[in-house]
Amino acid sequence: MNATLIAVALSLVSAGAYATAAVAQARLAGRTDPSAGALRLMGRGAWWSAVGLNAGGALLHVAALKYGPLTLVQPLGALTLVAAVPLGARSAGRRVSRTEWRGTLLTLVGLAALLLAAGGAAPHDTLSLPEALGVGAVTMALVAALSRPGTRPGLRHAAASGITSGVASALTQTLTVAATDHSGPLLSWRLVTVAVLVSFFALGGLMLSQTAYRGGLGAPLAVVTLANPVAAAAIGLILLGERIQGGAVGLVPALIGTLAAVRGVVLLSRAQAGSTAGGVPEPAGAASVAAASVPAVTVPAVTVPAVTVPAVTVPPSRVVLTGPSLTAPRPAEPFTLYPEPVGSPGGPG
């Protein structure tokens, strides 16, 4: 089978696993106290289910990187959001909206155009040790700036998660290709260093995404989905010598596909954000709120056996009336208090 087809097939299954994990993480984040520490989070079975799904998706992703370049495999990560839409809708007990279907269609069309432009041979180039260390240093600086202490969980953490995940994929490809081409020792300093960086960035991306999902699934997942392939493709094009098929002419379908995919992801993120909004619409036909002035009402003093009720003055107040129509207040009438017979229902008995 063609290496490109193998990479695409593995990426599809990987996206399904990642999407299921993202929905599980979002549900867990919604049920967890934001102040809960990592140890408490790790004590829940749902967390380990999400970790297992992410691990399965990562292994499939690693296998895909063996057969396809970063510029091909990483954009297919947008399918994670496409798969998360029906999964998230089913989890919330609702139907997929028309906007979500439009976003899904645009994303798929854009990815198809990117496949035509980016489909290339299996990767052979790898990052050198200085290049890997340089990529790691730049990534850590970006993550520190985006997720500095005191930053509100949200899109910044999502961007940091996408960047670290994309860099981890690029480093993983170096590790996979170098370990399978048998061109050098398996325990070289370069491979050990790259393996440590992969583990660090993969775990960091997972924790950053968990933090980002506290504000909802739609927009953060969209940012993760877009930042991931951008970071990985930048490494592939700048450091690994990957090229767009067709040269300058091939840039046209690549740009069209990128714009369509970005538009689709934006639509999906907006629809997801709207579906999680907790606003309650105002009932139709409700009357406007009006205020009526009520004059002061004075109750004269009334004397009953053993009970004296002094004069009571009710000051003017504003009474809010709602409903389809407003009725003017009736004038106050004097009333008399009568003593309740002993032994009657409700009396002292």
C-alpha atoms as a PDB file:
ATOM      1  CA  MET A   1       0.000   0.000   0.000  1.00  0.00           C
ATOM      2  CA  ASN A   2       1.139   3.547  -0.755  1.00  0.00           C
ATOM      3  CA  ALA A   3       2.878   5.230   2.201  1.00  0.00           C
ATOM      4  CA  THR A   4       0.649   8.299   1.887  1.00  0.00           C
ATOM      5  CA  LEU A   5      -2.530   6.206   2.156  1.00  0.00           C
ATOM      6  CA  ILE A   6      -1.171   4.454   5.239  1.00  0.00           C
ATOM      7  CA  ALA A   7      -0.361   7.812   6.848  1.00  0.00           C
ATOM      8  CA  VAL A   8      -3.860   9.139   6.081  1.00  0.00           C
ATOM      9  CA  ALA A   9      -5.595   6.021   7.422  1.00  0.00           C
ATOM     10  CA  LEU A  10      -3.602   6.060  10.645  1.00  0.00           C
ATOM     11  CA  SER A  11      -4.262   9.777  11.057  1.00  0.00           C
ATOM     12  CA  LEU A  12      -8.024   9.244  10.722  1.00  0.00           C
ATOM     13  CA  VAL A  13      -8.112   6.680  13.528  1.00  0.00           C
ATOM     14  CA  SER A  14      -5.799   8.831  15.624  1.00  0.00           C
ATOM     15  CA  ALA A  15      -8.117  11.837  15.225  1.00  0.00           C
ATOM     16  CA  GLY A  16     -11.061   9.752  16.419  1.00  0.00           C
ATOM     17  CA  ALA A  17      -9.175   8.742  19.557  1.00  0.00           C
ATOM     18  CA  TYR A  18      -8.082  12.310  20.258  1.00  0.00           C
ATOM     19  CA  ALA A  19     -11.642  13.613  19.746  1.00  0.00           C
ATOM     20  CA  THR A  20     -13.074  11.101  22.209  1.00  0.00           C
ATOM     21  CA  ALA A  21     -10.388  12.042  24.722  1.00  0.00           C
ATOM     22  CA  ALA A  22     -11.111  15.767  24.266  1.00  0.00           C
ATOM     23  CA  VAL A  23     -14.826  15.281  24.964  1.00  0.00           C
ATOM     24  CA  ALA A  24     -13.994  13.219  28.055  1.00  0.00           C
ATOM     25  CA  GLN A  25     -11.556  15.897  29.269  1.00  0.00           C
ATOM     26  CA  ALA A  26     -14.123  18.648  28.739  1.00  0.00           C
ATOM     27  CA  ARG A  27     -16.755  16.758  30.739  1.00  0.00           C
ATOM     28  CA  LEU A  28     -14.236  16.077  33.496  1.00  0.00           C
ATOM     29  CA  ALA A  29     -13.177  19.726  33.585  1.00  0.00           C
ATOM     30  CA  GLY A  30     -16.805  20.795  33.957  1.00  0.00           C
ATOM     31  CA  ARG A  31     -17.295  18.500  36.968  1.00  0.00           C
ATOM     32  CA  THR A  32     -13.992  19.292  38.700  1.00  0.00           C
ATOM     33  CA  ASP A  33     -13.294  22.159  41.073  1.00  0.00           C
ATOM     34  CA  PRO A  34     -10.814  24.506  39.353  1.00  0.00           C
ATOM     35  CA  SER A  35      -8.789  24.669  42.562  1.00  0.00           C
ATOM     36  CA  ALA A  36      -8.338  20.881  42.637  1.00  0.00           C
ATOM     37  CA  GLY A  37      -4.709  19.834  42.337  1.00  0.00           C
ATOM     38  CA  ALA A  38      -3.196  17.438  39.810  1.00  0.00           C
ATOM     39  CA  LEU A  39      -3.019  14.577  42.328  1.00  0.00           C
ATOM     40  CA  ARG A  40      -6.747  14.786  42.992  1.00  0.00           C
ATOM     41  CA  LEU A  41      -7.423  14.853  39.267  1.00  0.00           C
ATOM     42  CA  MET A  42      -5.283  11.776  38.710  1.00  0.00           C
ATOM     43  CA  GLY A  43      -7.326   9.897  41.283  1.00  0.00           C
ATOM     44  CA  ARG A  44     -10.377   9.836  39.005  1.00  0.00           C
ATOM     45  CA  GLY A  45     -11.073   7.058  36.536  1.00  0.00           C
ATOM     46  CA  ALA A  46     -12.342   9.473  33.864  1.00  0.00           C
ATOM     47  CA  TRP A  47      -8.943  11.157  33.830  1.00  0.00           C
ATOM     48  CA  TRP A  48      -7.137   7.885  33.146  1.00  0.00           C
ATOM     49  CA  SER A  49      -9.655   7.022  30.432  1.00  0.00           C
ATOM     50  CA  ALA A  50      -8.811  10.284  28.710  1.00  0.00           C
ATOM     51  CA  VAL A  51      -5.104   9.590  29.200  1.00  0.00           C
ATOM     52  CA  GLY A  52      -5.529   6.136  27.635  1.00  0.00           C
ATOM     53  CA  LEU A  53      -7.363   7.556  24.626  1.00  0.00           C
ATOM     54  CA  ASN A  54      -4.714  10.239  24.193  1.00  0.00           C
ATOM     55  CA  ALA A  55      -1.994   7.602  24.443  1.00  0.00           C
ATOM     56  CA  GLY A  56      -3.699   5.464  21.793  1.00  0.00           C
ATOM     57  CA  GLY A  57      -4.100   8.466  19.525  1.00  0.00           C
ATOM     58  CA  ALA A  58      -0.448   9.368  20.084  1.00  0.00           C
ATOM     59  CA  LEU A  59       0.765   5.895  19.128  1.00  0.00           C
ATOM     60  CA  LEU A  60      -1.288   5.956  15.940  1.00  0.00           C
ATOM     61  CA  HIS A  61       0.009   9.439  15.249  1.00  0.00           C
ATOM     62  CA  VAL A  62       3.590   8.255  15.692  1.00  0.00           C
ATOM     63  CA  ALA A  63       2.969   5.457  13.208  1.00  0.00           C
ATOM     64  CA  ALA A  64       1.496   7.958  10.741  1.00  0.00           C
ATOM     65  CA  LEU A  65       4.577  10.162  11.069  1.00  0.00           C
ATOM     66  CA  LYS A  66       6.681   7.193   9.982  1.00  0.00           C
ATOM     67  CA  TYR A  67       4.868   7.051   6.637  1.00  0.00           C
ATOM     68  CA  GLY A  68       4.026  10.687   5.953  1.00  0.00           C
ATOM     69  CA  PRO A  69       5.674  14.133   6.280  1.00  0.00           C
ATOM     70  CA  LEU A  70       4.648  16.668   8.892  1.00  0.00           C
ATOM     71  CA  THR A  71       2.986  18.865   6.275  1.00  0.00           C
ATOM     72  CA  LEU A  72       0.661  15.949   5.475  1.00  0.00           C
ATOM     73  CA  VAL A  73       0.023  14.315   8.845  1.00  0.00           C
ATOM     74  CA  GLN A  74      -0.339  17.360  11.089  1.00  0.00           C
ATOM     75  CA  PRO A  75      -3.156  19.149   9.180  1.00  0.00           C
ATOM     76  CA  LEU A  76      -5.196  15.963   9.470  1.00  0.00           C
ATOM     77  CA  GLY A  77      -5.316  16.715  13.176  1.00  0.00           C
ATOM     78  CA  ALA A  78      -8.174  19.110  12.320  1.00  0.00           C
ATOM     79  CA  LEU A  79     -10.296  15.987  11.972  1.00  0.00           C
ATOM     80  CA  THR A  80     -10.163  15.818  15.761  1.00  0.00           C
ATOM     81  CA  LEU A  81     -12.517  18.797  15.938  1.00  0.00           C
ATOM     82  CA  VAL A  82     -14.704  17.367  13.168  1.00  0.00           C
ATOM     83  CA  ALA A  83     -15.102  14.120  15.092  1.00  0.00           C
ATOM     84  CA  ALA A  84     -15.587  15.923  18.402  1.00  0.00           C
ATOM     85  CA  VAL A  85     -18.658  17.789  17.109  1.00  0.00           C
ATOM     86  CA  PRO A  86     -21.055  14.795  16.899  1.00  0.00           C
ATOM     87  CA  LEU A  87     -19.484  13.213  19.978  1.00  0.00           C
ATOM     88  CA  GLY A  88     -19.921  16.390  22.004  1.00  0.00           C
ATOM     89  CA  ALA A  89     -23.487  16.873  20.723  1.00  0.00           C
ATOM     90  CA  ARG A  90     -24.426  13.327  21.683  1.00  0.00           C
ATOM     91  CA  SER A  91     -22.835  13.751  25.094  1.00  0.00           C
ATOM     92  CA  ALA A  92     -24.875  16.938  25.640  1.00  0.00           C
ATOM     93  CA  GLY A  93     -28.092  15.314  24.375  1.00  0.00           C
ATOM     94  CA  ARG A  94     -28.588  17.624  21.406  1.00  0.00           C
ATOM     95  CA  ARG A  95     -28.481  17.523  17.609  1.00  0.00           C
ATOM     96  CA  VAL A  96     -25.664  18.756  15.404  1.00  0.00           C
ATOM     97  CA  SER A  97     -26.578  22.244  14.223  1.00  0.00           C
ATOM     98  CA  ARG A  98     -26.552  23.524  10.654  1.00  0.00           C
ATOM     99  CA  THR A  99     -23.558  25.747  11.435  1.00  0.00           C
ATOM    100  CA  GLU A 100     -21.627  22.731  12.685  1.00  0.00           C
ATOM    101  CA  TRP A 101     -22.404  20.820   9.490  1.00  0.00           C
ATOM    102  CA  ARG A 102     -21.166  23.778   7.416  1.00  0.00           C
ATOM    103  CA  GLY A 103     -17.993  23.969   9.468  1.00  0.00           C
ATOM    104  CA  THR A 104     -17.456  20.232   9.086  1.00  0.00           C
ATOM    105  CA  LEU A 105     -17.886  20.382   5.308  1.00  0.00           C
ATOM    106  CA  LEU A 106     -15.508  23.346   4.917  1.00  0.00           C
ATOM    107  CA  THR A 107     -12.903  21.661   7.109  1.00  0.00           C
ATOM    108  CA  LEU A 108     -13.059  18.435   5.112  1.00  0.00           C
ATOM    109  CA  VAL A 109     -12.849  20.262   1.768  1.00  0.00           C
ATOM    110  CA  GLY A 110      -9.893  22.302   3.001  1.00  0.00           C
ATOM    111  CA  LEU A 111      -8.076  19.214   4.233  1.00  0.00           C
ATOM    112  CA  ALA A 112      -8.651  17.483   0.904  1.00  0.00           C
ATOM    113  CA  ALA A 113      -6.997  20.401  -0.892  1.00  0.00           C
ATOM    114  CA  LEU A 114      -4.093  20.298   1.557  1.00  0.00           C
ATOM    115  CA  LEU A 115      -3.631  16.581   0.924  1.00  0.00           C
ATOM    116  CA  LEU A 116      -3.201  17.240  -2.787  1.00  0.00           C
ATOM    117  CA  ALA A 117      -0.547  19.863  -2.104  1.00  0.00           C
ATOM    118  CA  ALA A 118       1.283  18.244   0.801  1.00  0.00           C
ATOM    119  CA  GLY A 119       1.178  14.570  -0.046  1.00  0.00           C
ATOM    120  CA  GLY A 120       4.812  13.529  -0.298  1.00  0.00           C
ATOM    121  CA  ALA A 121       7.147  10.615   0.247  1.00  0.00           C
ATOM    122  CA  ALA A 122       7.977   9.060   3.575  1.00  0.00           C
ATOM    123  CA  PRO A 123      10.267  11.303   5.667  1.00  0.00           C
ATOM    124  CA  HIS A 124      14.027  10.728   5.782  1.00  0.00           C
ATOM    125  CA  ASP A 125      15.520  13.900   7.299  1.00  0.00           C
ATOM    126  CA  THR A 126      15.771  14.294  11.070  1.00  0.00           C
ATOM    127  CA  LEU A 127      16.655  17.066  13.499  1.00  0.00           C
ATOM    128  CA  SER A 128      20.217  17.274  14.730  1.00  0.00           C
ATOM    129  CA  LEU A 129      20.934  17.607  18.447  1.00  0.00           C
ATOM    130  CA  PRO A 130      21.529  21.409  18.286  1.00  0.00           C
ATOM    131  CA  GLU A 131      18.343  21.823  16.234  1.00  0.00           C
ATOM    132  CA  ALA A 132      16.317  19.751  18.706  1.00  0.00           C
ATOM    133  CA  LEU A 133      17.660  21.737  21.653  1.00  0.00           C
ATOM    134  CA  GLY A 134      16.989  25.021  19.875  1.00  0.00           C
ATOM    135  CA  VAL A 135      13.407  23.989  19.068  1.00  0.00           C
ATOM    136  CA  GLY A 136      12.907  22.956  22.695  1.00  0.00           C
ATOM    137  CA  ALA A 137      14.225  26.247  24.050  1.00  0.00           C
ATOM    138  CA  VAL A 138      12.044  28.361  21.747  1.00  0.00           C
ATOM    139  CA  THR A 139       8.990  26.261  22.589  1.00  0.00           C
ATOM    140  CA  MET A 140       9.494  26.581  26.334  1.00  0.00           C
ATOM    141  CA  ALA A 141       9.884  30.358  25.988  1.00  0.00           C
ATOM    142  CA  LEU A 142       6.605  30.599  24.055  1.00  0.00           C
ATOM    143  CA  VAL A 143       4.758  28.393  26.525  1.00  0.00           C
ATOM    144  CA  ALA A 144       6.082  30.392  29.479  1.00  0.00           C
ATOM    145  CA  ALA A 145       4.835  33.608  27.880  1.00  0.00           C
ATOM    146  CA  LEU A 146       1.393  32.201  27.015  1.00  0.00           C
ATOM    147  CA  SER A 147       0.706  30.402  30.306  1.00  0.00           C
ATOM    148  CA  ARG A 148       2.438  32.661  32.801  1.00  0.00           C
ATOM    149  CA  PRO A 149       1.104  32.545  36.405  1.00  0.00           C
ATOM    150  CA  GLY A 150      -2.100  34.501  36.861  1.00  0.00           C
ATOM    151  CA  THR A 151      -3.249  34.047  33.287  1.00  0.00           C
ATOM    152  CA  ARG A 152      -6.928  33.155  33.049  1.00  0.00           C
ATOM    153  CA  PRO A 153      -7.479  29.641  31.634  1.00  0.00           C
ATOM    154  CA  GLY A 154      -8.592  29.852  28.034  1.00  0.00           C
ATOM    155  CA  LEU A 155      -7.254  30.441  24.547  1.00  0.00           C
ATOM    156  CA  ARG A 156      -3.679  31.250  25.628  1.00  0.00           C
ATOM    157  CA  HIS A 157      -3.368  27.871  27.297  1.00  0.00           C
ATOM    158  CA  ALA A 158      -4.963  26.279  24.232  1.00  0.00           C
ATOM    159  CA  ALA A 159      -2.387  27.924  21.962  1.00  0.00           C
ATOM    160  CA  ALA A 160       0.416  26.752  24.250  1.00  0.00           C
ATOM    161  CA  SER A 161      -1.029  23.240  24.196  1.00  0.00           C
ATOM    162  CA  GLY A 162      -1.209  23.198  20.396  1.00  0.00           C
ATOM    163  CA  ILE A 163       2.363  24.451  20.041  1.00  0.00           C
ATOM    164  CA  THR A 164       3.801  21.912  22.473  1.00  0.00           C
ATOM    165  CA  SER A 165       1.848  19.082  20.840  1.00  0.00           C
ATOM    166  CA  GLY A 166       3.034  20.102  17.378  1.00  0.00           C
ATOM    167  CA  VAL A 167       6.654  20.310  18.527  1.00  0.00           C
ATOM    168  CA  ALA A 168       6.302  16.928  20.240  1.00  0.00           C
ATOM    169  CA  SER A 169       5.101  15.473  16.919  1.00  0.00           C
ATOM    170  CA  ALA A 170       8.057  16.936  15.049  1.00  0.00           C
ATOM    171  CA  LEU A 171      10.491  15.544  17.623  1.00  0.00           C
ATOM    172  CA  THR A 172       8.673  12.213  17.564  1.00  0.00           C
ATOM    173  CA  GLN A 173       9.164  11.967  13.822  1.00  0.00           C
ATOM    174  CA  THR A 174      12.893  12.500  14.300  1.00  0.00           C
ATOM    175  CA  LEU A 175      12.924   9.812  16.987  1.00  0.00           C
ATOM    176  CA  THR A 176      10.908   7.355  14.894  1.00  0.00           C
ATOM    177  CA  VAL A 177      12.837   7.794  11.660  1.00  0.00           C
ATOM    178  CA  ALA A 178      16.225   7.691  13.397  1.00  0.00           C
ATOM    179  CA  ALA A 179      15.293   4.574  15.383  1.00  0.00           C
ATOM    180  CA  THR A 180      13.933   2.640  12.391  1.00  0.00           C
ATOM    181  CA  ASP A 181      16.436   3.433   9.649  1.00  0.00           C
ATOM    182  CA  HIS A 182      19.268   1.687  11.615  1.00  0.00           C
ATOM    183  CA  SER A 183      21.738   4.374  10.583  1.00  0.00           C
ATOM    184  CA  GLY A 184      23.158   4.871  14.067  1.00  0.00           C
ATOM    185  CA  PRO A 185      23.116   3.610  17.667  1.00  0.00           C
ATOM    186  CA  LEU A 186      19.745   3.538  19.441  1.00  0.00           C
ATOM    187  CA  LEU A 187      21.135   5.026  22.670  1.00  0.00           C
ATOM    188  CA  SER A 188      22.940   8.039  21.253  1.00  0.00           C
ATOM    189  CA  TRP A 189      22.839  11.319  23.127  1.00  0.00           C
ATOM    190  CA  ARG A 190      20.697  12.820  20.390  1.00  0.00           C
ATOM    191  CA  LEU A 191      17.962  10.178  20.599  1.00  0.00           C
ATOM    192  CA  VAL A 192      17.939  10.164  24.390  1.00  0.00           C
ATOM    193  CA  THR A 193      17.635  13.963  24.467  1.00  0.00           C
ATOM    194  CA  VAL A 194      14.882  13.951  21.846  1.00  0.00           C
ATOM    195  CA  ALA A 195      12.994  11.225  23.746  1.00  0.00           C
ATOM    196  CA  VAL A 196      13.109  13.303  26.934  1.00  0.00           C
ATOM    197  CA  LEU A 197      11.862  16.377  25.065  1.00  0.00           C
ATOM    198  CA  VAL A 198       9.049  14.377  23.478  1.00  0.00           C
ATOM    199  CA  SER A 199       7.873  13.120  26.879  1.00  0.00           C
ATOM    200  CA  PHE A 200       8.097  16.582  28.422  1.00  0.00           C
ATOM    201  CA  PHE A 201       6.185  18.362  25.648  1.00  0.00           C
ATOM    202  CA  ALA A 202       3.575  15.623  25.270  1.00  0.00           C
ATOM    203  CA  LEU A 203       2.720  15.715  28.980  1.00  0.00           C
ATOM    204  CA  GLY A 204       2.832  19.509  29.001  1.00  0.00           C
ATOM    205  CA  GLY A 205       0.442  19.702  26.057  1.00  0.00           C
ATOM    206  CA  LEU A 206      -1.979  17.354  27.805  1.00  0.00           C
ATOM    207  CA  MET A 207      -2.001  19.369  31.040  1.00  0.00           C
ATOM    208  CA  LEU A 208      -2.296  22.683  29.186  1.00  0.00           C
ATOM    209  CA  SER A 209      -5.285  21.419  27.200  1.00  0.00           C
ATOM    210  CA  GLN A 210      -6.967  20.240  30.396  1.00  0.00           C
ATOM    211  CA  THR A 211      -6.564  23.752  31.794  1.00  0.00           C
ATOM    212  CA  ALA A 212      -7.840  25.350  28.575  1.00  0.00           C
ATOM    213  CA  TYR A 213     -10.994  23.196  28.510  1.00  0.00           C
ATOM    214  CA  ARG A 214     -12.208  24.710  31.790  1.00  0.00           C
ATOM    215  CA  GLY A 215     -13.685  27.526  29.697  1.00  0.00           C
ATOM    216  CA  GLY A 216     -15.537  25.130  27.360  1.00  0.00           C
ATOM    217  CA  LEU A 217     -14.616  22.773  24.564  1.00  0.00           C
ATOM    218  CA  GLY A 218     -15.308  24.642  21.315  1.00  0.00           C
ATOM    219  CA  ALA A 219     -12.937  27.601  21.078  1.00  0.00           C
ATOM    220  CA  PRO A 220      -9.999  26.046  22.991  1.00  0.00           C
ATOM    221  CA  LEU A 221     -10.133  22.863  20.920  1.00  0.00           C
ATOM    222  CA  ALA A 222     -10.216  24.958  17.737  1.00  0.00           C
ATOM    223  CA  VAL A 223      -7.111  26.881  18.805  1.00  0.00           C
ATOM    224  CA  VAL A 224      -5.323  23.638  19.703  1.00  0.00           C
ATOM    225  CA  THR A 225      -6.319  22.184  16.338  1.00  0.00           C
ATOM    226  CA  LEU A 226      -4.928  25.179  14.421  1.00  0.00           C
ATOM    227  CA  ALA A 227      -1.770  25.803  16.472  1.00  0.00           C
ATOM    228  CA  ASN A 228      -0.645  22.166  16.328  1.00  0.00           C
ATOM    229  CA  PRO A 229      -0.158  21.827  12.537  1.00  0.00           C
ATOM    230  CA  VAL A 230       1.232  25.363  12.244  1.00  0.00           C
ATOM    231  CA  ALA A 231       4.026  24.608  14.713  1.00  0.00           C
ATOM    232  CA  ALA A 232       4.821  21.191  13.215  1.00  0.00           C
ATOM    233  CA  ALA A 233       4.656  22.372   9.599  1.00  0.00           C
ATOM    234  CA  ALA A 234       6.970  25.294  10.404  1.00  0.00           C
ATOM    235  CA  ILE A 235       9.582  22.855  11.719  1.00  0.00           C
ATOM    236  CA  GLY A 236       9.117  20.589   8.717  1.00  0.00           C
ATOM    237  CA  LEU A 237       9.461  23.353   6.151  1.00  0.00           C
ATOM    238  CA  ILE A 238      12.302  25.246   7.875  1.00  0.00           C
ATOM    239  CA  LEU A 239      14.450  22.479   9.367  1.00  0.00           C
ATOM    240  CA  LEU A 240      13.507  19.204   7.674  1.00  0.00           C
ATOM    241  CA  GLY A 241      13.484  20.299   4.050  1.00  0.00           C
ATOM    242  CA  GLU A 242       9.834  19.423   3.359  1.00  0.00           C
ATOM    243  CA  ARG A 243       8.288  21.024   0.306  1.00  0.00           C
ATOM    244  CA  ILE A 244       4.867  21.714  -1.150  1.00  0.00           C
ATOM    245  CA  GLN A 245       4.169  19.595  -4.221  1.00  0.00           C
ATOM    246  CA  GLY A 246       4.114  21.540  -7.455  1.00  0.00           C
ATOM    247  CA  GLY A 247       6.313  24.371  -6.213  1.00  0.00           C
ATOM    248  CA  ALA A 248       4.790  27.823  -6.525  1.00  0.00           C
ATOM    249  CA  VAL A 249       1.774  26.440  -8.393  1.00  0.00           C
ATOM    250  CA  GLY A 250       1.115  24.009  -5.561  1.00  0.00           C
ATOM    251  CA  LEU A 251       0.811  26.905  -3.141  1.00  0.00           C
ATOM    252  CA  VAL A 252      -2.540  27.878  -4.681  1.00  0.00           C
ATOM    253  CA  PRO A 253      -4.519  24.778  -3.610  1.00  0.00           C
ATOM    254  CA  ALA A 254      -2.576  24.736  -0.351  1.00  0.00           C
ATOM    255  CA  LEU A 255      -3.622  28.310   0.480  1.00  0.00           C
ATOM    256  CA  ILE A 256      -7.221  27.702  -0.625  1.00  0.00           C
ATOM    257  CA  GLY A 257      -7.370  24.558   1.457  1.00  0.00           C
ATOM    258  CA  THR A 258      -5.858  26.337   4.449  1.00  0.00           C
ATOM    259  CA  LEU A 259      -8.393  29.161   4.270  1.00  0.00           C
ATOM    260  CA  ALA A 260     -11.296  26.741   3.911  1.00  0.00           C
ATOM    261  CA  ALA A 261     -10.082  24.607   6.806  1.00  0.00           C
ATOM    262  CA  VAL A 262      -9.531  27.654   9.030  1.00  0.00           C
ATOM    263  CA  ARG A 263     -13.014  28.953   8.200  1.00  0.00           C
ATOM    264  CA  GLY A 264     -14.499  25.566   8.985  1.00  0.00           C
ATOM    265  CA  VAL A 265     -12.675  25.340  12.300  1.00  0.00           C
ATOM    266  CA  VAL A 266     -13.857  28.844  13.254  1.00  0.00           C
ATOM    267  CA  LEU A 267     -17.465  27.918  12.477  1.00  0.00           C
ATOM    268  CA  LEU A 268     -17.157  24.758  14.513  1.00  0.00           C
ATOM    269  CA  SER A 269     -15.653  26.592  17.452  1.00  0.00           C
ATOM    270  CA  ARG A 270     -18.386  29.247  17.395  1.00  0.00           C
ATOM    271  CA  ALA A 271     -21.098  26.618  17.223  1.00  0.00           C
ATOM    272  CA  GLN A 272     -19.537  24.697  20.085  1.00  0.00           C
ATOM    273  CA  ALA A 273     -19.272  27.871  22.168  1.00  0.00           C
ATOM    274  CA  GLY A 274     -22.916  28.717  21.455  1.00  0.00           C
ATOM    275  CA  SER A 275     -24.088  25.242  22.417  1.00  0.00           C
ATOM    276  CA  THR A 276     -22.419  25.544  25.828  1.00  0.00           C
ATOM    277  CA  ALA A 277     -23.820  29.010  26.602  1.00  0.00           C
ATOM    278  CA  GLY A 278     -26.198  28.959  29.524  1.00  0.00           C
ATOM    279  CA  GLY A 279     -28.330  31.898  28.527  1.00  0.00           C
ATOM    280  CA  VAL A 280     -32.097  31.598  29.077  1.00  0.00           C
ATOM    281  CA  PRO A 281     -34.232  33.395  26.454  1.00  0.00           C
ATOM    282  CA  GLU A 282     -36.977  35.726  27.554  1.00  0.00           C
ATOM    283  CA  PRO A 283     -40.488  34.292  27.014  1.00  0.00           C
ATOM    284  CA  ALA A 284     -42.193  35.620  23.906  1.00  0.00           C
ATOM    285  CA  GLY A 285     -45.070  38.047  24.397  1.00  0.00           C
ATOM    286  CA  ALA A 286     -43.933  39.174  27.814  1.00  0.00           C
ATOM    287  CA  ALA A 287     -45.196  42.611  28.690  1.00  0.00           C
ATOM    288  CA  SER A 288     -42.856  45.474  29.368  1.00  0.00           C
ATOM    289  CA  VAL A 289     -42.026  46.126  32.980  1.00  0.00           C
ATOM    290  CA  ALA A 290     -43.822  49.204  34.281  1.00  0.00           C
ATOM    291  CA  ALA A 291     -43.877  50.978  37.610  1.00  0.00           C
ATOM    292  CA  ALA A 292     -46.891  52.542  39.338  1.00  0.00           C
ATOM    293  CA  SER A 293     -46.878  54.907  42.284  1.00  0.00           C
ATOM    294  CA  VAL A 294     -48.979  53.801  45.233  1.00  0.00           C
ATOM    295  CA  PRO A 295     -50.206  56.592  47.557  1.00  0.00           C
ATOM    296  CA  ALA A 296     -49.645  56.441  51.280  1.00  0.00           C
ATOM    297  CA  VAL A 297     -52.249  54.342  53.129  1.00  0.00           C
ATOM    298  CA  THR A 298     -53.053  55.092  56.749  1.00  0.00           C
ATOM    299  CA  VAL A 299     -54.848  52.552  58.961  1.00  0.00           C
ATOM    300  CA  PRO A 300     -56.564  54.160  61.953  1.00  0.00           C
ATOM    301  CA  ALA A 301     -55.940  52.838  65.440  1.00  0.00           C
ATOM    302  CA  VAL A 302     -58.175  49.903  66.372  1.00  0.00           C
ATOM    303  CA  THR A 303     -58.732  48.640  69.916  1.00  0.00           C
ATOM    304  CA  VAL A 304     -59.650  44.992  70.629  1.00  0.00           C
ATOM    305  CA  PRO A 305     -59.750  43.140  73.948  1.00  0.00           C
ATOM    306  CA  ALA A 306     -56.226  42.832  75.345  1.00  0.00           C
ATOM    307  CA  VAL A 307     -54.744  43.852  71.982  1.00  0.00           C
ATOM    308  CA  THR A 308     -53.975  47.374  70.837  1.00  0.00           C
ATOM    309  CA  VAL A 309     -52.842  47.981  67.277  1.00  0.00           C
ATOM    310  CA  PRO A 310     -51.343  51.438  66.832  1.00  0.00           C
ATOM    311  CA  ALA A 311     -51.786  53.473  63.714  1.00  0.00           C
ATOM    312  CA  VAL A 312     -49.712  52.145  60.815  1.00  0.00           C
ATOM    313  CA  THR A 313     -48.501  54.293  57.962  1.00  0.00           C
ATOM    314  CA  VAL A 314     -47.402  52.644  54.715  1.00  0.00           C
ATOM    315  CA  PRO A 315     -45.035  54.991  52.875  1.00  0.00           C
ATOM    316  CA  PRO A 316     -45.214  55.371  49.113  1.00  0.00           C
ATOM    317  CA  SER A 317     -43.342  52.672  47.201  1.00  0.00           C
ATOM    318  CA  ARG A 318     -42.678  51.509  43.719  1.00  0.00           C
ATOM    319  CA  VAL A 319     -44.453  48.330  42.745  1.00  0.00           C
ATOM    320  CA  VAL A 320     -43.233  46.490  39.634  1.00  0.00           C
ATOM    321  CA  LEU A 321     -46.068  44.987  37.647  1.00  0.00           C
ATOM    322  CA  THR A 322     -45.573  42.456  34.865  1.00  0.00           C
ATOM    323  CA  GLY A 323     -47.978  40.816  32.494  1.00  0.00           C
ATOM    324  CA  PRO A 324     -49.763  41.544  29.255  1.00  0.00           C
ATOM    325  CA  SER A 325     -51.784  44.361  30.832  1.00  0.00           C
ATOM    326  CA  LEU A 326     -51.539  46.708  33.786  1.00  0.00           C
ATOM    327  CA  THR A 327     -54.489  47.458  36.095  1.00  0.00           C
ATOM    328  CA  ALA A 328     -54.636  50.633  38.159  1.00  0.00           C
ATOM    329  CA  PRO A 329     -54.478  49.986  41.917  1.00  0.00           C
ATOM    330  CA  ARG A 330     -57.781  50.060  43.776  1.00  0.00           C
ATOM    331  CA  PRO A 331     -58.170  52.677  46.519  1.00  0.00           C
ATOM    332  CA  ALA A 332     -57.477  51.449  50.010  1.00  0.00           C
ATOM    333  CA  GLU A 333     -60.520  50.784  52.213  1.00  0.00           C
ATOM    334  CA  PRO A 334     -60.604  50.874  56.027  1.00  0.00           C
ATOM    335  CA  PHE A 335     -60.825  47.528  57.774  1.00  0.00           C
ATOM    336  CA  THR A 336     -61.508  46.270  61.272  1.00  0.00           C
ATOM    337  CA  LEU A 337     -59.643  43.592  63.175  1.00  0.00           C
ATOM    338  CA  TYR A 338     -61.828  41.087  65.064  1.00  0.00           C
ATOM    339  CA  PRO A 339     -60.517  38.855  67.849  1.00  0.00           C
ATOM    340  CA  GLU A 340     -60.336  35.197  66.885  1.00  0.00           C
ATOM    341  CA  PRO A 341     -62.420  32.876  69.075  1.00  0.00           C
ATOM    342  CA  VAL A 342     -60.445  30.626  71.372  1.00  0.00           C
ATOM    343  CA  GLY A 343     -60.235  27.054  70.106  1.00  0.00           C
ATOM    344  CA  SER A 344     -60.796  27.877  66.421  1.00  0.00           C
ATOM    345  CA  PRO A 345     -58.578  26.268  63.776  1.00  0.00           C
ATOM    346  CA  GLY A 346     -55.247  28.029  63.718  1.00  0.00           C
ATOM    347  CA  GLY A 347     -55.777  29.642  67.119  1.00  0.00           C
ATOM    348  CA  PRO A 348     -53.817  29.042  70.265  1.00  0.00           C
ATOM    349  CA  GLY A 349     -56.108  26.117  71.087  1.00  0.00           C
END
